[in-house]
C-alpha cells in the first residue's frame, strides 16, 4: 500500500515541479524581452543624439564659413592663404599687405606688430597693437580678365552671313 501512495505523490511532485519550472521560464523570457526593448530604446536614443550632434556640427561649419565669406577685409591686415596642421600643431600661411607670404603659428608676432592668438581649422585670430582681436580674412583671388577656358553662360549663336558678299 505504501508503494501505491508513493507513485501518485511522485507524479504530483513531478507535475508541480514542471509547472513551477515552466512559470519561471515564462517569467525569464518576459524579463529578457523587457530588457531587449529597453536596450533598443537606448540604442535609438543614442542614434538620435548622434544625429543632433552631427547637424549641430554641420550648422556650426556653415555659420563659420558664412562668417569668413562675409567678413570685410581691413586694408593692411594680413589675409589667410592656407591653414594646415593636426590638432594643436596648426600653421597658417599669411599674405601680408606688401605682398610677401609668411608661415606662422600660435604665439608668433608679425612685422606689423600683430600677434597670432589662435589658429583653427577655418580661422586665424590675431591681436593688433591696441589689443583688439581680429579674425583674419581669407584670401580671395580677383578675376581680372576674360578666361577662355571658362564655359560660357549662354548659347553660341551662328555667325550671320553677309548679303552682298561674294558667293
N, C-alpha and C. Protein backbone atom coordinates (compact mmCIF):
# COMPACT_ATOMS: atom_id res chain seq x y z
N UNK A 1 0.82 -1.18 0.00
CA UNK A 1 0.00 0.00 0.00
C UNK A 1 0.87 1.25 0.00
N UNK A 2 1.95 1.11 0.64
CA UNK A 2 2.84 2.24 0.70
C UNK A 2 3.35 2.56 -0.70
N UNK A 3 3.62 1.54 -1.51
CA UNK A 3 4.06 1.73 -2.89
C UNK A 3 3.00 2.44 -3.71
N UNK A 4 1.76 2.15 -3.44
CA UNK A 4 0.67 2.77 -4.18
C UNK A 4 0.58 4.26 -3.88
N UNK A 5 0.92 4.67 -2.69
CA UNK A 5 0.88 6.10 -2.33
C UNK A 5 2.10 6.85 -2.85
N UNK A 6 3.19 6.19 -2.94
CA UNK A 6 4.43 6.85 -3.39
C UNK A 6 4.32 7.27 -4.85
N UNK A 7 3.77 6.45 -5.68
CA UNK A 7 3.69 6.74 -7.12
C UNK A 7 2.82 7.98 -7.39
N UNK A 8 1.62 8.08 -6.80
CA UNK A 8 0.85 9.30 -7.06
C UNK A 8 1.53 10.56 -6.53
N UNK A 9 2.18 10.46 -5.39
CA UNK A 9 2.89 11.62 -4.87
C UNK A 9 4.06 12.01 -5.78
N UNK A 10 4.74 11.03 -6.32
CA UNK A 10 5.85 11.30 -7.24
C UNK A 10 5.34 11.97 -8.51
N UNK A 11 4.22 11.47 -9.04
CA UNK A 11 3.64 12.07 -10.24
C UNK A 11 3.19 13.49 -9.95
N UNK A 12 2.56 13.69 -8.80
CA UNK A 12 2.10 15.02 -8.41
C UNK A 12 3.29 15.98 -8.25
N UNK A 13 4.34 15.51 -7.63
CA UNK A 13 5.53 16.34 -7.43
C UNK A 13 6.16 16.69 -8.78
N UNK A 14 6.19 15.73 -9.68
CA UNK A 14 6.76 15.98 -11.00
C UNK A 14 5.94 17.01 -11.76
N UNK A 15 4.62 16.87 -11.70
CA UNK A 15 3.75 17.83 -12.38
C UNK A 15 3.88 19.22 -11.77
N UNK A 16 3.92 19.28 -10.46
CA UNK A 16 4.03 20.55 -9.78
C UNK A 16 5.39 21.18 -10.08
N UNK A 17 6.43 20.37 -10.08
CA UNK A 17 7.78 20.87 -10.38
C UNK A 17 7.87 21.39 -11.80
N UNK A 18 7.30 20.70 -12.78
CA UNK A 18 7.31 21.15 -14.17
C UNK A 18 6.53 22.44 -14.33
N UNK A 19 5.44 22.58 -13.62
CA UNK A 19 4.64 23.80 -13.69
C UNK A 19 5.42 24.98 -13.15
N UNK A 20 6.13 24.76 -12.06
CA UNK A 20 6.95 25.84 -11.48
C UNK A 20 8.08 26.19 -12.43
N UNK A 21 8.67 25.18 -13.05
CA UNK A 21 9.76 25.42 -13.99
C UNK A 21 9.27 26.19 -15.20
N UNK A 22 8.10 25.81 -15.71
CA UNK A 22 7.52 26.49 -16.87
C UNK A 22 7.21 27.93 -16.53
N UNK A 23 6.73 28.15 -15.34
CA UNK A 23 6.39 29.51 -14.93
C UNK A 23 7.66 30.36 -14.82
N UNK A 24 8.71 29.82 -14.27
CA UNK A 24 9.95 30.59 -14.14
C UNK A 24 10.57 30.84 -15.52
N UNK A 25 10.44 29.91 -16.45
CA UNK A 25 10.92 30.13 -17.82
C UNK A 25 10.12 31.24 -18.48
N UNK A 26 8.83 31.25 -18.26
CA UNK A 26 7.98 32.29 -18.81
C UNK A 26 8.36 33.65 -18.24
N UNK A 27 8.57 33.69 -16.93
CA UNK A 27 8.99 34.95 -16.30
C UNK A 27 10.35 35.40 -16.85
N UNK A 28 11.24 34.44 -17.02
CA UNK A 28 12.57 34.76 -17.53
C UNK A 28 12.48 35.33 -18.95
N UNK A 29 11.67 34.71 -19.80
CA UNK A 29 11.51 35.21 -21.17
C UNK A 29 10.89 36.59 -21.19
N UNK A 30 9.92 36.83 -20.32
CA UNK A 30 9.29 38.15 -20.23
C UNK A 30 10.31 39.20 -19.81
N UNK A 31 11.14 38.84 -18.83
CA UNK A 31 12.18 39.76 -18.36
C UNK A 31 13.18 40.07 -19.48
N UNK A 32 13.61 39.03 -20.19
CA UNK A 32 14.56 39.21 -21.28
C UNK A 32 13.96 40.09 -22.38
N UNK A 33 12.71 39.88 -22.70
CA UNK A 33 12.03 40.69 -23.71
C UNK A 33 11.95 42.15 -23.27
N UNK A 34 11.66 42.39 -22.01
CA UNK A 34 11.59 43.76 -21.49
C UNK A 34 12.96 44.43 -21.54
N UNK A 35 14.00 43.69 -21.17
CA UNK A 35 15.37 44.23 -21.23
C UNK A 35 15.76 44.55 -22.66
N UNK A 36 15.38 43.69 -23.59
CA UNK A 36 15.68 43.93 -25.01
C UNK A 36 15.00 45.19 -25.50
N UNK A 37 13.75 45.40 -25.11
CA UNK A 37 13.04 46.62 -25.51
C UNK A 37 13.72 47.87 -24.95
N UNK A 38 14.19 47.80 -23.70
CA UNK A 38 14.88 48.92 -23.09
C UNK A 38 16.18 49.21 -23.84
N UNK A 39 16.94 48.16 -24.18
CA UNK A 39 18.20 48.34 -24.90
C UNK A 39 17.96 48.93 -26.29
N UNK A 40 16.91 48.47 -26.97
CA UNK A 40 16.59 49.03 -28.29
C UNK A 40 16.21 50.49 -28.19
N UNK A 41 15.48 50.85 -27.14
CA UNK A 41 15.10 52.25 -26.94
C UNK A 41 16.34 53.11 -26.67
N UNK A 42 17.27 52.59 -25.88
CA UNK A 42 18.52 53.33 -25.62
C UNK A 42 19.33 53.48 -26.90
N UNK A 43 19.39 52.43 -27.71
CA UNK A 43 20.11 52.49 -28.97
C UNK A 43 19.51 53.57 -29.88
N UNK A 44 18.20 53.62 -29.97
CA UNK A 44 17.51 54.63 -30.78
C UNK A 44 17.79 56.02 -30.24
N UNK A 45 17.81 56.16 -28.91
CA UNK A 45 18.09 57.45 -28.30
C UNK A 45 19.51 57.91 -28.66
N UNK A 46 20.48 57.00 -28.61
CA UNK A 46 21.85 57.34 -28.97
C UNK A 46 21.97 57.73 -30.44
N UNK A 47 21.22 57.05 -31.31
CA UNK A 47 21.23 57.40 -32.73
C UNK A 47 20.70 58.81 -32.93
N UNK A 48 19.61 59.14 -32.25
CA UNK A 48 19.02 60.48 -32.37
C UNK A 48 20.00 61.53 -31.85
N UNK A 49 20.64 61.26 -30.72
CA UNK A 49 21.61 62.19 -30.16
C UNK A 49 22.79 62.39 -31.12
N UNK A 50 23.26 61.31 -31.74
CA UNK A 50 24.37 61.41 -32.69
C UNK A 50 23.96 62.23 -33.90
N UNK A 51 22.72 62.04 -34.37
CA UNK A 51 22.23 62.85 -35.50
C UNK A 51 22.15 64.31 -35.13
N UNK A 52 21.71 64.61 -33.92
CA UNK A 52 21.62 66.01 -33.48
C UNK A 52 23.00 66.64 -33.42
N UNK A 53 23.98 65.93 -32.87
CA UNK A 53 25.34 66.45 -32.80
C UNK A 53 25.90 66.67 -34.20
N UNK A 54 25.64 65.74 -35.10
CA UNK A 54 26.10 65.89 -36.48
C UNK A 54 25.50 67.12 -37.14
N UNK A 55 24.21 67.33 -36.96
CA UNK A 55 23.54 68.51 -37.54
C UNK A 55 24.07 69.79 -36.91
N UNK A 56 24.32 69.79 -35.59
CA UNK A 56 24.87 70.97 -34.94
C UNK A 56 26.25 71.30 -35.49
N UNK A 57 27.08 70.29 -35.71
CA UNK A 57 28.41 70.50 -36.29
C UNK A 57 28.30 71.04 -37.71
N UNK A 58 27.36 70.51 -38.46
CA UNK A 58 27.13 70.97 -39.83
C UNK A 58 26.72 72.44 -39.84
N UNK A 59 25.81 72.81 -38.95
CA UNK A 59 25.35 74.20 -38.86
C UNK A 59 26.50 75.11 -38.44
N UNK A 60 27.29 74.68 -37.45
CA UNK A 60 28.42 75.48 -36.99
C UNK A 60 29.43 75.70 -38.11
N UNK A 61 29.69 74.66 -38.90
CA UNK A 61 30.64 74.78 -40.01
C UNK A 61 30.11 75.76 -41.06
N UNK A 62 28.81 75.69 -41.36
CA UNK A 62 28.23 76.61 -42.34
C UNK A 62 28.23 78.04 -41.82
N UNK A 63 27.96 78.22 -40.52
CA UNK A 63 28.00 79.56 -39.94
C UNK A 63 29.41 80.12 -39.96
N UNK A 64 30.38 79.29 -39.67
CA UNK A 64 31.77 79.72 -39.70
C UNK A 64 32.20 80.10 -41.11
N UNK A 65 31.78 79.30 -42.08
CA UNK A 65 32.10 79.59 -43.47
C UNK A 65 31.42 80.88 -43.92
N UNK A 66 30.17 81.06 -43.54
CA UNK A 66 29.45 82.28 -43.89
C UNK A 66 30.11 83.49 -43.26
N UNK A 67 30.51 83.37 -42.01
CA UNK A 67 31.19 84.49 -41.33
C UNK A 67 32.50 84.82 -42.02
N UNK A 68 33.23 83.79 -42.44
CA UNK A 68 34.50 84.04 -43.12
C UNK A 68 34.29 84.69 -44.48
N UNK A 69 33.24 84.29 -45.17
CA UNK A 69 32.97 84.85 -46.50
C UNK A 69 32.50 86.29 -46.41
N UNK A 70 31.62 86.57 -45.45
CA UNK A 70 31.03 87.90 -45.36
C UNK A 70 31.88 88.90 -44.60
N UNK A 71 32.97 88.44 -44.00
CA UNK A 71 33.82 89.34 -43.24
C UNK A 71 34.53 90.31 -44.17
N UNK A 72 34.50 91.57 -43.80
CA UNK A 72 35.17 92.56 -44.62
C UNK A 72 36.65 92.58 -44.29
N UNK A 73 37.47 92.74 -45.30
CA UNK A 73 38.91 92.77 -45.13
C UNK A 73 39.34 94.19 -44.79
N UNK A 74 40.12 94.31 -43.73
CA UNK A 74 40.67 95.62 -43.37
C UNK A 74 41.96 95.78 -44.14
N UNK A 75 42.09 96.90 -44.84
CA UNK A 75 43.29 97.16 -45.63
C UNK A 75 44.48 97.22 -44.69
N UNK A 76 45.50 96.47 -45.02
CA UNK A 76 46.70 96.44 -44.20
C UNK A 76 46.80 95.19 -43.36
N UNK A 77 45.68 94.56 -43.05
CA UNK A 77 45.73 93.31 -42.30
C UNK A 77 46.17 92.17 -43.21
N UNK A 78 46.90 91.21 -42.67
CA UNK A 78 47.26 90.06 -43.49
C UNK A 78 46.01 89.23 -43.82
N UNK A 79 46.09 88.45 -44.88
CA UNK A 79 44.99 87.57 -45.26
C UNK A 79 45.50 86.14 -45.26
N UNK A 80 44.57 85.21 -45.00
CA UNK A 80 44.92 83.80 -44.90
C UNK A 80 45.01 83.20 -46.30
N UNK A 81 46.15 82.60 -46.60
CA UNK A 81 46.31 81.86 -47.86
C UNK A 81 46.06 80.38 -47.65
N UNK A 82 46.48 79.85 -46.48
CA UNK A 82 46.30 78.42 -46.21
C UNK A 82 46.41 78.17 -44.71
N UNK A 83 45.75 77.11 -44.26
CA UNK A 83 45.86 76.64 -42.88
C UNK A 83 46.10 75.14 -42.95
N UNK A 84 47.09 74.68 -42.19
CA UNK A 84 47.39 73.25 -42.20
C UNK A 84 47.93 72.83 -40.85
N UNK A 85 47.88 71.54 -40.61
CA UNK A 85 48.37 71.01 -39.35
C UNK A 85 47.38 70.01 -38.79
N UNK A 86 47.75 69.44 -37.65
CA UNK A 86 46.91 68.46 -36.99
C UNK A 86 46.75 68.89 -35.54
N UNK A 87 45.52 68.90 -35.08
CA UNK A 87 45.11 69.25 -33.71
C UNK A 87 45.83 70.48 -33.20
N UNK A 88 46.70 70.36 -32.22
CA UNK A 88 47.34 71.52 -31.58
C UNK A 88 48.46 72.14 -32.39
N UNK A 89 48.98 71.46 -33.38
CA UNK A 89 50.10 71.98 -34.19
C UNK A 89 49.57 72.52 -35.50
N UNK A 90 48.96 73.70 -35.44
CA UNK A 90 48.39 74.32 -36.64
C UNK A 90 49.32 75.43 -37.13
N UNK A 91 49.44 75.53 -38.44
CA UNK A 91 50.24 76.56 -39.07
C UNK A 91 49.37 77.28 -40.09
N UNK A 92 49.63 78.57 -40.28
CA UNK A 92 48.89 79.34 -41.26
C UNK A 92 49.89 80.04 -42.18
N UNK A 93 49.53 80.08 -43.45
CA UNK A 93 50.30 80.85 -44.41
C UNK A 93 49.53 82.13 -44.66
N UNK A 94 50.16 83.26 -44.36
CA UNK A 94 49.52 84.56 -44.49
C UNK A 94 50.18 85.37 -45.57
N UNK A 95 49.39 86.18 -46.26
CA UNK A 95 49.94 87.13 -47.22
C UNK A 95 49.82 88.51 -46.59
N UNK A 96 50.95 89.17 -46.43
CA UNK A 96 50.98 90.48 -45.81
C UNK A 96 50.59 91.55 -46.82
N UNK A 97 50.36 92.77 -46.32
CA UNK A 97 49.90 93.86 -47.18
C UNK A 97 50.92 94.24 -48.25
N UNK A 98 52.20 93.95 -48.02
CA UNK A 98 53.23 94.27 -49.04
C UNK A 98 53.36 93.16 -50.08
N UNK A 99 52.53 92.10 -49.97
CA UNK A 99 52.55 91.02 -50.94
C UNK A 99 53.40 89.83 -50.52
N UNK A 100 54.20 89.98 -49.48
CA UNK A 100 55.04 88.87 -49.05
C UNK A 100 54.19 87.82 -48.34
N UNK A 101 54.68 86.58 -48.36
CA UNK A 101 53.98 85.45 -47.77
C UNK A 101 54.82 84.92 -46.62
N UNK A 102 54.15 84.63 -45.48
CA UNK A 102 54.86 84.16 -44.30
C UNK A 102 54.06 83.04 -43.63
N UNK A 103 54.79 82.03 -43.10
CA UNK A 103 54.16 80.94 -42.34
C UNK A 103 54.26 81.30 -40.86
N UNK A 104 53.13 81.14 -40.14
CA UNK A 104 53.09 81.48 -38.72
C UNK A 104 52.42 80.36 -37.93
N UNK A 105 52.63 80.38 -36.63
CA UNK A 105 51.93 79.50 -35.71
C UNK A 105 51.50 80.33 -34.51
N UNK A 106 50.71 79.75 -33.64
CA UNK A 106 50.20 80.48 -32.49
C UNK A 106 51.35 81.03 -31.66
N UNK A 107 51.24 82.32 -31.29
CA UNK A 107 52.26 82.97 -30.48
C UNK A 107 53.23 83.81 -31.28
N UNK A 108 53.30 83.63 -32.60
CA UNK A 108 54.20 84.42 -33.44
C UNK A 108 53.73 85.87 -33.52
N UNK A 109 54.68 86.79 -33.70
CA UNK A 109 54.38 88.20 -33.88
C UNK A 109 54.84 88.61 -35.27
N UNK A 110 53.95 89.28 -36.00
CA UNK A 110 54.27 89.73 -37.35
C UNK A 110 55.07 91.03 -37.30
N UNK A 111 55.67 91.40 -38.43
CA UNK A 111 56.45 92.64 -38.52
C UNK A 111 55.59 93.86 -38.22
N UNK A 112 54.29 93.78 -38.50
CA UNK A 112 53.39 94.91 -38.25
C UNK A 112 53.04 95.05 -36.77
N UNK A 113 53.46 94.09 -35.94
CA UNK A 113 53.16 94.13 -34.52
C UNK A 113 51.98 93.27 -34.11
N UNK A 114 51.29 92.68 -35.09
CA UNK A 114 50.16 91.80 -34.76
C UNK A 114 50.69 90.48 -34.23
N UNK A 115 50.01 89.97 -33.18
CA UNK A 115 50.39 88.69 -32.58
C UNK A 115 49.33 87.67 -32.93
N UNK A 116 49.75 86.48 -33.35
CA UNK A 116 48.83 85.40 -33.69
C UNK A 116 48.35 84.76 -32.39
N UNK A 117 47.05 84.91 -32.11
CA UNK A 117 46.46 84.41 -30.87
C UNK A 117 46.06 82.94 -31.01
N UNK A 118 45.39 82.60 -32.11
CA UNK A 118 44.98 81.21 -32.31
C UNK A 118 44.86 80.90 -33.79
N UNK A 119 45.06 79.62 -34.10
CA UNK A 119 44.88 79.13 -35.46
C UNK A 119 43.97 77.91 -35.35
N UNK A 120 42.83 77.99 -36.02
CA UNK A 120 41.89 76.88 -36.05
C UNK A 120 41.80 76.31 -37.44
N UNK A 121 41.01 75.27 -37.63
CA UNK A 121 40.89 74.66 -38.95
C UNK A 121 40.34 75.61 -40.01
N UNK A 122 39.56 76.63 -39.60
CA UNK A 122 38.97 77.54 -40.58
C UNK A 122 39.21 79.01 -40.26
N UNK A 123 40.04 79.31 -39.28
CA UNK A 123 40.23 80.71 -38.92
C UNK A 123 41.58 80.96 -38.28
N UNK A 124 42.02 82.22 -38.39
CA UNK A 124 43.21 82.69 -37.70
C UNK A 124 42.80 83.96 -36.98
N UNK A 125 43.07 84.00 -35.67
CA UNK A 125 42.75 85.18 -34.87
C UNK A 125 44.06 85.82 -34.45
N UNK A 126 44.16 87.13 -34.70
CA UNK A 126 45.36 87.88 -34.34
C UNK A 126 44.96 89.01 -33.41
N UNK A 127 45.95 89.52 -32.67
CA UNK A 127 45.71 90.64 -31.76
C UNK A 127 46.54 91.81 -32.26
N UNK A 128 45.87 92.93 -32.48
CA UNK A 128 46.57 94.11 -33.01
C UNK A 128 47.35 94.80 -31.89
N UNK A 129 48.09 95.85 -32.26
CA UNK A 129 48.91 96.58 -31.28
C UNK A 129 48.06 97.16 -30.15
N UNK A 130 46.83 97.55 -30.46
CA UNK A 130 45.96 98.13 -29.44
C UNK A 130 45.10 97.07 -28.73
N UNK A 131 45.57 95.80 -28.73
CA UNK A 131 44.94 94.66 -28.04
C UNK A 131 43.55 94.33 -28.55
N UNK A 132 43.24 94.69 -29.77
CA UNK A 132 41.95 94.33 -30.37
C UNK A 132 42.13 93.03 -31.14
N UNK A 133 41.24 92.06 -30.87
CA UNK A 133 41.32 90.77 -31.57
C UNK A 133 40.65 90.89 -32.93
N UNK A 134 41.32 90.33 -33.93
CA UNK A 134 40.84 90.41 -35.31
C UNK A 134 40.86 89.02 -35.91
N UNK A 135 39.75 88.60 -36.51
CA UNK A 135 39.72 87.35 -37.27
C UNK A 135 40.17 87.72 -38.68
N UNK A 136 41.26 87.13 -39.11
CA UNK A 136 41.80 87.47 -40.42
C UNK A 136 40.92 86.91 -41.53
N UNK A 137 40.83 87.68 -42.60
CA UNK A 137 40.02 87.28 -43.75
C UNK A 137 40.79 86.28 -44.60
N UNK A 138 40.06 85.50 -45.38
CA UNK A 138 40.72 84.56 -46.28
C UNK A 138 41.04 85.25 -47.59
N UNK A 139 42.05 84.75 -48.24
CA UNK A 139 42.49 85.30 -49.50
C UNK A 139 41.47 85.00 -50.58
N UNK A 140 41.11 86.00 -51.35
CA UNK A 140 40.18 85.82 -52.46
C UNK A 140 40.86 86.31 -53.73
N UNK A 141 41.06 85.42 -54.65
CA UNK A 141 41.70 85.78 -55.90
C UNK A 141 40.74 86.59 -56.74
N UNK A 142 41.20 87.72 -57.22
CA UNK A 142 40.35 88.59 -58.03
C UNK A 142 40.47 88.17 -59.49
N UNK A 143 39.34 87.95 -60.13
CA UNK A 143 39.32 87.60 -61.53
C UNK A 143 39.47 88.90 -62.32
N UNK A 144 40.64 89.07 -62.93
CA UNK A 144 40.93 90.35 -63.56
C UNK A 144 40.76 90.35 -65.07
N UNK A 145 40.25 89.29 -65.62
CA UNK A 145 40.12 89.30 -67.07
C UNK A 145 39.31 88.13 -67.59
N UNK A 146 39.25 88.06 -68.89
CA UNK A 146 38.49 87.02 -69.56
C UNK A 146 39.28 85.72 -69.54
N UNK A 147 38.62 84.64 -69.22
CA UNK A 147 39.24 83.32 -69.21
C UNK A 147 38.58 82.49 -70.30
N UNK A 148 39.27 82.23 -71.40
CA UNK A 148 38.65 81.48 -72.50
C UNK A 148 38.34 80.03 -72.13
N UNK A 149 38.97 79.50 -71.09
CA UNK A 149 38.71 78.12 -70.69
C UNK A 149 37.46 77.99 -69.83
N UNK A 150 36.94 79.11 -69.33
CA UNK A 150 35.74 79.09 -68.51
C UNK A 150 34.53 78.92 -69.42
N UNK A 151 33.62 78.01 -69.11
CA UNK A 151 32.47 77.81 -70.00
C UNK A 151 31.58 79.05 -70.07
N UNK A 152 31.02 79.28 -71.24
CA UNK A 152 30.17 80.45 -71.41
C UNK A 152 28.85 80.24 -70.71
N UNK A 153 28.18 81.35 -70.40
CA UNK A 153 26.93 81.26 -69.67
C UNK A 153 25.73 81.12 -70.59
N UNK A 154 25.91 81.31 -71.87
CA UNK A 154 24.76 81.24 -72.78
C UNK A 154 25.06 80.35 -73.98
N UNK A 155 24.13 80.31 -74.90
CA UNK A 155 24.32 79.52 -76.11
C UNK A 155 25.06 80.34 -77.14
N UNK A 156 25.86 79.68 -77.94
CA UNK A 156 26.54 80.42 -79.00
C UNK A 156 25.59 80.52 -80.20
N UNK A 157 25.61 81.67 -80.83
CA UNK A 157 24.75 81.91 -81.98
C UNK A 157 25.56 81.74 -83.26
N UNK A 158 24.91 81.32 -84.33
CA UNK A 158 25.65 81.18 -85.59
C UNK A 158 26.07 82.56 -86.10
N UNK A 159 27.19 82.59 -86.79
CA UNK A 159 27.67 83.85 -87.36
C UNK A 159 26.77 84.21 -88.54
N UNK A 160 26.23 85.45 -88.55
CA UNK A 160 25.33 85.83 -89.65
C UNK A 160 26.09 85.92 -90.98
N UNK A 161 25.44 85.54 -92.06
CA UNK A 161 26.03 85.63 -93.40
C UNK A 161 25.81 87.03 -93.94
N UNK A 162 26.80 87.54 -94.53
CA UNK A 162 26.68 88.88 -95.14
C UNK A 162 25.99 88.75 -96.48
N UNK A 163 24.98 89.61 -96.73
CA UNK A 163 24.29 89.57 -98.02
C UNK A 163 25.07 90.38 -99.04
N UNK A 164 25.31 90.26 -99.95
CA UNK A 164 26.03 91.10 -100.92
C UNK A 164 27.50 90.72 -100.97
N UNK A 165 27.92 89.81 -100.18
CA UNK A 165 29.33 89.41 -100.22
C UNK A 165 29.49 88.43 -101.38
N UNK A 166 30.68 88.29 -101.82
CA UNK A 166 30.96 87.37 -102.93
C UNK A 166 30.59 85.96 -102.57
N UNK A 167 29.95 85.31 -103.56
CA UNK A 167 29.48 83.96 -103.29
C UNK A 167 30.35 82.97 -103.90
